[in-house]
Amino acid sequence: MQAIKTKADELVTLGKPLDAEDLIEKVLDGLDDSYQPVIDVVNNQETLITFDELHEKLINRELSLNTVFFGDQSRLIQRTPTAPINDPTDHTHRLSHRNKIDQCGPF
């Protein structure tokens, strides 16, 4: 979203501003089906949503998509697509790290 906003700002600087409605439409067109609830809300509003409001809705949707429930669902772990899941019962990361150390040989 930041890259899109930066490009839109660059177009303004060049004297070729992108209409706010066109900017919102471009963002919505680039979303996959998991964001359909946000797309529906935005398309069904009577007034045009701002870029910042859309950004907030997309962040909230991403957080809801990336919430991981464990066990009785009393523990939540929020993660972004690039963040590792911090599951204390998962020891594979330790093994992976250990194998890398073993491959380096003696110090």
Protein backbone atom coordinates (compact mmCIF):
# COMPACT_ATOMS: atom_id res chain seq x y z
CA MET A 1 0.00 0.00 0.00
CA GLN A 2 2.86 2.36 0.77
CA ALA A 3 4.32 1.78 -2.70
CA ILE A 4 0.96 2.56 -4.30
CA LYS A 5 0.62 5.74 -2.26
CA THR A 6 4.17 6.76 -3.17
CA LYS A 7 3.49 6.26 -6.88
CA ALA A 8 0.24 8.25 -6.63
CA ASP A 9 2.14 11.07 -4.89
CA GLU A 10 4.80 10.99 -7.63
CA LEU A 11 2.08 11.37 -10.27
CA VAL A 12 0.79 14.44 -8.40
CA THR A 13 4.30 15.90 -8.40
CA LEU A 14 4.51 15.32 -12.17
CA GLY A 15 1.23 17.14 -12.65
CA LYS A 16 -0.68 13.95 -13.54
CA PRO A 17 -2.70 13.19 -10.43
CA LEU A 18 -4.60 9.93 -10.27
CA ASP A 19 -8.26 10.42 -9.41
CA ALA A 20 -9.02 9.14 -5.88
CA GLU A 21 -11.74 6.85 -7.22
CA ASP A 22 -9.35 5.39 -9.81
CA LEU A 23 -6.70 4.82 -7.12
CA ILE A 24 -9.18 2.95 -4.89
CA GLU A 25 -10.39 0.93 -7.88
CA LYS A 26 -6.81 -0.07 -8.81
CA VAL A 27 -6.15 -1.25 -5.26
CA LEU A 28 -9.39 -3.25 -5.12
CA ASP A 29 -8.68 -4.82 -8.53
CA GLY A 30 -5.34 -6.10 -7.22
CA LEU A 31 -6.84 -7.95 -4.25
CA ASP A 32 -7.50 -11.69 -4.21
CA ASP A 33 -10.74 -13.40 -3.19
CA SER A 34 -9.81 -13.49 0.49
CA TYR A 35 -10.39 -9.73 0.56
CA GLN A 36 -13.87 -9.98 -0.99
CA PRO A 37 -15.62 -8.78 2.20
CA VAL A 38 -13.62 -5.54 2.09
CA ILE A 39 -14.24 -5.15 -1.63
CA ASP A 40 -17.99 -5.60 -1.07
CA VAL A 41 -18.09 -3.03 1.75
CA VAL A 42 -16.18 -0.46 -0.29
CA ASN A 43 -18.26 -1.00 -3.42
CA ASN A 44 -21.54 -0.75 -1.49
CA GLN A 45 -20.75 2.54 0.27
CA GLU A 46 -22.62 5.60 -0.92
CA THR A 47 -19.63 7.89 -0.42
CA LEU A 48 -16.12 7.30 -1.69
CA ILE A 49 -13.78 5.79 0.88
CA THR A 50 -10.44 7.52 1.39
CA PHE A 51 -7.16 5.79 0.70
CA ASP A 52 -6.34 5.82 4.43
CA GLU A 53 -9.72 4.30 5.32
CA LEU A 54 -9.19 1.57 2.73
CA HIS A 55 -5.72 0.93 4.09
CA GLU A 56 -7.13 0.51 7.60
CA LYS A 57 -9.80 -1.93 6.37
CA LEU A 58 -7.19 -3.96 4.51
CA ILE A 59 -4.93 -4.13 7.56
CA ASN A 60 -7.84 -5.30 9.71
CA ARG A 61 -8.76 -7.94 7.13
CA GLU A 62 -5.15 -9.13 6.91
CA LEU A 63 -4.99 -9.44 10.68
CA SER A 64 -8.16 -11.51 10.71
CA LEU A 65 -6.81 -13.73 7.92
CA ASN A 66 -3.53 -14.25 9.75
CA THR A 67 -4.88 -15.05 13.19
CA VAL A 68 -3.81 -18.51 14.20
CA PHE A 69 -5.77 -20.39 16.86
CA PHE A 70 -4.15 -23.08 19.01
CA GLY A 71 -5.87 -25.68 21.17
CA ASP A 72 -8.85 -24.27 22.99
CA GLN A 73 -8.49 -21.00 21.07
CA SER A 74 -7.63 -19.12 24.23
CA ARG A 75 -4.22 -18.23 22.82
CA LEU A 76 -3.95 -16.13 19.70
CA ILE A 77 -0.86 -15.46 17.69
CA GLN A 78 -0.97 -12.57 15.25
CA ARG A 79 1.40 -12.84 12.33
CA THR A 80 2.11 -11.23 9.03
CA PRO A 81 2.80 -13.35 5.95
CA THR A 82 6.55 -12.93 6.45
CA ALA A 83 6.64 -13.42 10.22
CA PRO A 84 7.35 -16.87 11.65
CA ILE A 85 4.76 -18.49 13.87
CA ASN A 86 6.06 -18.41 17.43
CA ASP A 87 4.64 -21.69 18.64
CA PRO A 88 6.54 -22.75 21.79
CA THR A 89 5.68 -26.39 21.12
CA ASP A 90 7.30 -26.28 17.66
CA HIS A 91 10.94 -27.31 17.97
CA THR A 92 11.69 -27.64 14.25
CA HIS A 93 13.32 -24.20 14.16
CA ARG A 94 15.77 -25.37 16.81
CA LEU A 95 16.64 -28.47 14.82
CA SER A 96 17.05 -26.45 11.66
CA HIS A 97 19.33 -24.01 13.45
CA ARG A 98 21.30 -26.88 14.98
CA ASN A 99 21.82 -28.52 11.58
CA LYS A 100 23.24 -25.26 10.22
CA ILE A 101 25.69 -25.10 13.11
CA ASP A 102 26.71 -28.73 12.57
CA GLN A 103 27.33 -28.06 8.87
CA CYS A 104 29.77 -25.28 9.73
CA GLY A 105 32.11 -27.74 11.41
CA PRO A 106 34.18 -27.23 14.53
CA PHE A 107 35.11 -23.73 15.60
